[in-house]
Amino acid sequence: SMPMPVTAEVASVDEVAAFGASAVFPCLMKPMHFREWQRLPRDHQLFDRKIAIAESTDDLIRQYRLVAGVTPRTMLQEIIQGPDNAKRVYLACYDANSRRIGHAMFKELRCEPVGFGPASVTEPVRDDETDEVCDRFLRAIGYVGICEIEMKWDARDGCVKIIEANPRLSGSGDAAPYAGVDLCWIHYLDLIGRAVEPVAPDGRDFRHLVLRADGSAVPAYWRAGLLGVGDLLRSYRPPLAFYDLDPGDWRYSARTLVSAARAFARTVLREGRS
């Protein structure tokens, strides 16, 4: 089984209260699908949100009541404690026999939004225990294809636990080819019946950036006291690889830079008002 924080699916106030009675706070509440709260009124405090944070059972019940009319089935979970750089992104591909034919591991430096969003900056890391936990789980369930698992080391008990697993790649998955592991190409070769020898990371050092997301992440981390000048400079230390910046496509790159600048400005203004 995969180690994970205490989690429950609830469908009533009584079930929320029962969860809160034994939970360690803070906890989070999230819809069963991340777009479900888009059905809330636009002026609702949880409209289009992916999670809500509660500091107590009473707070959890209050927030559940806010969404119960739209999403009575909701997920509750204890929050894995620790900084965002305790997160790991495990990327892999398994062949038709559930044999791992490609893998890479990355450490998150920032994410957007702070604490709970997809990574905006990562770098390669060797983490044998996280690698073993993820690989063992996927082989045990007979997994086939590409996957991305986000894990985090819990500061409370020193155990690595799952945040989420996806049968696909996100922006973080774009980092794998820069580490010498082209998961999509490997998966394609397996699908067409070609023999594939397992591929491991080549050990190169780089930072992988999703600039449009980092435009929001940088001022938010700064405002929260989680980012200093030295940290910022280290996260942009060459060599760099980009998800959404391509010197060969200046139009797209220009749109990315404009989008990142607007995200930076919006976040600065929002954080300034809060």
Protein backbone atom coordinates (compact mmCIF):
# COMPACT_ATOMS: atom_id res chain seq x y z
CA SER A 1 0.00 0.00 0.00
CA MET A 2 1.03 3.60 -0.51
CA PRO A 3 1.75 5.66 2.65
CA MET A 4 -0.66 8.58 2.82
CA PRO A 5 -2.06 11.15 5.27
CA VAL A 6 -5.32 10.41 7.08
CA THR A 7 -8.04 10.82 4.46
CA ALA A 8 -11.82 10.40 4.37
CA GLU A 9 -14.65 10.81 1.91
CA VAL A 10 -17.63 12.45 3.62
CA ALA A 11 -21.20 13.23 2.64
CA SER A 12 -22.73 14.81 5.77
CA VAL A 13 -21.97 17.16 8.64
CA ASP A 14 -21.94 14.20 11.05
CA GLU A 15 -19.22 12.50 8.99
CA VAL A 16 -17.20 15.73 8.93
CA ALA A 17 -17.48 15.99 12.72
CA ALA A 18 -16.42 12.36 13.14
CA PHE A 19 -13.35 12.96 10.98
CA GLY A 20 -12.45 16.11 12.90
CA ALA A 21 -12.73 14.37 16.26
CA SER A 22 -9.61 12.29 15.58
CA ALA A 23 -7.80 14.39 12.98
CA VAL A 24 -4.63 16.42 13.54
CA PHE A 25 -5.17 19.96 12.28
CA PRO A 26 -4.71 21.82 10.04
CA CYS A 27 -6.69 19.78 7.53
CA LEU A 28 -7.87 20.41 4.01
CA MET A 29 -11.16 19.91 2.23
CA LYS A 30 -11.33 19.42 -1.52
CA PRO A 31 -13.93 18.40 -4.09
CA MET A 32 -13.81 14.93 -5.63
CA HIS A 33 -12.88 16.62 -8.94
CA PHE A 34 -10.89 19.84 -8.95
CA ARG A 35 -13.37 21.64 -11.23
CA GLU A 36 -16.48 20.91 -9.16
CA TRP A 37 -16.34 24.17 -7.21
CA GLN A 38 -16.55 26.06 -10.48
CA ARG A 39 -20.30 25.46 -10.16
CA LEU A 40 -20.45 27.70 -7.10
CA PRO A 41 -21.61 31.32 -7.53
CA ARG A 42 -18.79 33.56 -8.70
CA ASP A 43 -18.96 35.62 -5.52
CA HIS A 44 -18.66 32.50 -3.35
CA GLN A 45 -15.46 32.42 -1.28
CA LEU A 46 -14.58 28.95 -2.59
CA PHE A 47 -15.50 29.52 -6.23
CA ASP A 48 -13.00 27.79 -8.54
CA ARG A 49 -10.81 26.86 -5.58
CA LYS A 50 -9.15 23.44 -5.40
CA ILE A 51 -8.91 23.22 -1.62
CA ALA A 52 -10.01 24.91 1.59
CA ILE A 53 -7.92 24.87 4.78
CA ALA A 54 -9.45 24.37 8.22
CA GLU A 55 -7.75 24.90 11.58
CA SER A 56 -10.34 23.09 13.72
CA THR A 57 -13.36 20.79 13.56
CA ASP A 58 -15.74 23.74 13.83
CA ASP A 59 -13.93 25.49 10.98
CA LEU A 60 -14.07 22.31 8.88
CA ILE A 61 -17.82 21.96 9.45
CA ARG A 62 -18.37 25.62 8.60
CA GLN A 63 -16.49 25.26 5.31
CA TYR A 64 -18.25 22.00 4.46
CA ARG A 65 -21.63 23.68 4.87
CA LEU A 66 -20.53 26.33 2.38
CA VAL A 67 -20.27 23.73 -0.39
CA ALA A 68 -22.60 20.94 0.75
CA GLY A 69 -25.41 22.12 -1.51
CA VAL A 70 -23.22 21.71 -4.61
CA THR A 71 -20.74 18.99 -3.62
CA PRO A 72 -22.11 16.96 -0.70
CA ARG A 73 -19.48 14.26 -1.40
CA THR A 74 -16.20 15.86 -0.39
CA MET A 75 -12.73 14.69 0.55
CA LEU A 76 -11.07 15.59 3.86
CA GLN A 77 -7.40 15.07 4.58
CA GLU A 78 -4.75 15.88 7.16
CA ILE A 79 -2.12 18.18 5.69
CA ILE A 80 1.36 16.72 5.32
CA GLN A 81 3.54 19.07 7.32
CA GLY A 82 6.80 20.53 6.04
CA PRO A 83 8.15 23.02 3.49
CA ASP A 84 7.44 22.78 -0.22
CA ASN A 85 11.00 21.66 -0.92
CA ALA A 86 10.14 18.44 0.95
CA LYS A 87 7.97 17.51 -2.04
CA ARG A 88 9.10 15.05 -4.68
CA VAL A 89 7.79 14.47 -8.20
CA TYR A 90 8.20 10.86 -9.34
CA LEU A 91 7.92 10.37 -13.10
CA ALA A 92 7.97 6.96 -14.74
CA CYS A 93 6.84 4.72 -17.56
CA TYR A 94 5.95 1.02 -17.23
CA ASP A 95 5.69 -1.42 -20.13
CA ALA A 96 2.94 -3.92 -20.85
CA ASN A 97 4.42 -6.27 -18.23
CA SER A 98 4.58 -3.54 -15.55
CA ARG A 99 8.36 -3.38 -15.91
CA ARG A 100 9.75 0.11 -15.30
CA ILE A 101 11.41 1.29 -18.50
CA GLY A 102 12.04 4.91 -17.58
CA HIS A 103 12.04 7.04 -14.44
CA ALA A 104 13.18 10.37 -12.99
CA MET A 105 12.79 12.20 -9.70
CA PHE A 106 12.57 15.93 -9.01
CA LYS A 107 12.55 18.14 -5.93
CA GLU A 108 10.07 21.01 -5.84
CA LEU A 109 11.53 24.42 -5.03
CA ARG A 110 8.31 26.41 -5.48
CA CYS A 111 4.72 25.70 -6.47
CA GLU A 112 1.68 27.78 -7.33
CA PRO A 113 -0.31 28.35 -5.22
CA VAL A 114 2.04 28.14 -2.24
CA GLY A 115 1.85 24.80 -0.47
CA PHE A 116 -0.68 23.02 -2.64
CA GLY A 117 -0.21 23.75 -6.33
CA PRO A 118 1.75 22.24 -9.21
CA ALA A 119 5.49 22.90 -9.14
CA SER A 120 6.75 26.06 -10.80
CA VAL A 121 10.46 25.28 -10.21
CA THR A 122 12.06 21.86 -9.76
CA GLU A 123 15.49 20.30 -9.89
CA PRO A 124 16.70 16.69 -10.17
CA VAL A 125 17.19 14.88 -6.88
CA ARG A 126 18.17 11.40 -5.80
CA ASP A 127 15.70 10.06 -3.25
CA ASP A 128 16.01 6.29 -3.07
CA GLU A 129 13.27 5.75 -0.50
CA THR A 130 10.65 7.75 -2.38
CA ASP A 131 11.68 6.03 -5.60
CA GLU A 132 11.31 2.59 -4.00
CA VAL A 133 7.91 3.39 -2.45
CA CYS A 134 6.47 4.63 -5.75
CA ASP A 135 7.97 1.88 -7.90
CA ARG A 136 6.85 -0.89 -5.53
CA PHE A 137 3.29 0.45 -5.46
CA LEU A 138 2.96 0.76 -9.23
CA ARG A 139 4.39 -2.70 -9.88
CA ALA A 140 2.09 -4.18 -7.22
CA ILE A 141 -1.02 -2.87 -8.99
CA GLY A 142 0.23 -3.95 -12.41
CA TYR A 143 0.48 -0.40 -13.70
CA VAL A 144 1.09 0.15 -17.42
CA GLY A 145 1.97 3.47 -19.08
CA ILE A 146 3.12 6.91 -17.98
CA CYS A 147 2.54 8.22 -14.46
CA GLU A 148 3.38 11.16 -12.24
CA ILE A 149 3.21 10.88 -8.46
CA GLU A 150 3.65 13.82 -6.09
CA MET A 151 5.04 12.82 -2.69
CA LYS A 152 6.10 14.74 0.41
CA TRP A 153 8.25 14.05 3.44
CA ASP A 154 6.12 14.61 6.54
CA ALA A 155 7.98 16.68 9.15
CA ARG A 156 5.92 15.14 11.96
CA ASP A 157 6.97 11.50 11.56
CA GLY A 158 9.74 11.59 8.96
CA CYS A 159 7.77 9.41 6.51
CA VAL A 160 7.25 10.14 2.84
CA LYS A 161 3.55 10.18 1.87
CA ILE A 162 1.54 10.51 -1.28
CA ILE A 163 -0.13 13.79 -2.22
CA GLU A 164 -1.59 12.67 -5.52
CA ALA A 165 -1.04 10.25 -8.40
CA ASN A 166 -1.85 10.96 -12.05
CA PRO A 167 -1.88 8.60 -15.06
CA ARG A 168 -0.39 11.42 -17.14
CA LEU A 169 2.26 14.11 -17.04
CA SER A 170 1.87 17.73 -15.93
CA GLY A 171 4.25 20.62 -16.51
CA SER A 172 6.71 18.91 -14.17
CA GLY A 173 6.80 15.94 -16.52
CA ASP A 174 8.46 18.16 -19.10
CA ALA A 175 11.60 18.09 -16.91
CA ALA A 176 12.26 14.38 -17.49
CA PRO A 177 13.72 14.70 -21.04
CA TYR A 178 16.23 17.27 -19.76
CA ALA A 179 17.38 14.59 -17.30
CA GLY A 180 17.92 12.18 -20.19
CA VAL A 181 14.61 10.31 -19.80
CA ASP A 182 12.13 11.02 -22.62
CA LEU A 183 9.14 9.24 -21.10
CA CYS A 184 6.72 9.95 -23.95
CA TRP A 185 9.12 8.58 -26.57
CA ILE A 186 9.84 5.53 -24.41
CA HIS A 187 6.10 4.95 -23.99
CA TYR A 188 5.54 5.27 -27.73
CA LEU A 189 8.25 2.73 -28.51
CA ASP A 190 6.68 0.30 -26.06
CA LEU A 191 3.21 0.82 -27.56
CA ILE A 192 4.43 -0.07 -31.07
CA GLY A 193 6.12 -3.21 -29.80
CA ARG A 194 9.74 -2.09 -29.82
CA ALA A 195 12.08 -3.52 -27.19
CA VAL A 196 13.03 -0.80 -24.72
CA GLU A 197 15.97 -0.99 -22.34
CA PRO A 198 15.27 0.78 -19.03
CA VAL A 199 16.44 4.39 -18.97
CA ALA A 200 17.60 6.18 -15.80
CA PRO A 201 18.46 9.86 -15.20
CA ASP A 202 21.87 10.91 -16.48
CA GLY A 203 22.75 12.91 -13.37
CA ARG A 204 22.91 16.35 -14.94
CA ASP A 205 22.16 19.38 -12.75
CA PHE A 206 19.58 21.95 -13.87
CA ARG A 207 16.54 23.94 -12.76
CA HIS A 208 13.24 23.38 -14.61
CA LEU A 209 10.90 26.40 -14.67
CA VAL A 210 7.26 26.94 -15.54
CA LEU A 211 7.53 30.71 -15.94
CA ARG A 212 3.84 31.53 -16.13
CA ALA A 213 3.25 29.84 -12.78
CA ASP A 214 6.44 31.19 -11.20
CA GLY A 215 5.34 34.73 -12.01
CA SER A 216 2.66 34.25 -9.34
CA ALA A 217 4.74 32.03 -7.05
CA VAL A 218 7.70 34.39 -6.50
CA PRO A 219 5.80 37.35 -4.95
CA ALA A 220 3.55 34.97 -2.97
CA TYR A 221 6.55 33.17 -1.44
CA TRP A 222 8.25 36.51 -0.79
CA ARG A 223 5.19 37.87 0.98
CA ALA A 224 4.92 34.70 3.09
CA GLY A 225 8.56 35.02 4.19
CA LEU A 226 9.48 31.79 2.41
CA LEU A 227 11.79 33.29 -0.22
CA GLY A 228 14.87 35.45 0.13
CA VAL A 229 17.13 36.98 -2.51
CA GLY A 230 19.63 34.15 -2.15
CA ASP A 231 16.91 31.51 -2.52
CA LEU A 232 15.57 33.23 -5.63
CA LEU A 233 18.99 33.48 -7.26
CA ARG A 234 19.77 29.84 -6.49
CA SER A 235 16.48 28.70 -8.02
CA TYR A 236 17.38 30.52 -11.26
CA ARG A 237 20.97 29.30 -11.28
CA PRO A 238 21.99 27.93 -14.70
CA PRO A 239 21.71 25.58 -16.39
CA LEU A 240 18.00 26.21 -16.87
CA ALA A 241 15.28 24.32 -18.72
CA PHE A 242 11.88 25.81 -19.49
CA TYR A 243 8.41 24.39 -19.92
CA ASP A 244 6.96 27.48 -21.56
CA LEU A 245 9.91 29.37 -23.06
CA ASP A 246 11.46 28.38 -26.40
CA PRO A 247 14.19 30.48 -28.06
CA GLY A 248 13.12 28.94 -31.39
CA ASP A 249 9.58 30.30 -31.05
CA TRP A 250 9.84 33.96 -30.18
CA ARG A 251 6.09 34.65 -30.43
CA TYR A 252 5.20 31.98 -27.91
CA SER A 253 8.10 33.00 -25.67
CA ALA A 254 7.00 36.64 -25.78
CA ARG A 255 3.49 35.62 -24.73
CA THR A 256 4.97 33.60 -21.87
CA LEU A 257 7.04 36.55 -20.63
CA VAL A 258 4.04 38.89 -20.83
CA SER A 259 1.85 36.36 -19.02
CA ALA A 260 4.47 35.84 -16.30
CA ALA A 261 4.84 39.60 -15.82
CA ARG A 262 1.06 40.04 -15.54
CA ALA A 263 0.83 37.15 -13.06
CA PHE A 264 3.61 38.76 -11.01
CA ALA A 265 1.83 42.12 -10.99
CA ARG A 266 -1.56 40.60 -10.11
CA THR A 267 -0.06 38.64 -7.23
CA VAL A 268 1.85 41.66 -5.91
CA LEU A 269 -1.37 43.71 -5.91
CA ARG A 270 -3.41 40.92 -4.33
CA GLU A 271 -0.82 40.23 -1.63
CA GLY A 272 -0.53 43.94 -0.97
CA ARG A 273 -4.27 44.23 -0.34
CA SER A 274 -4.37 41.20 1.97
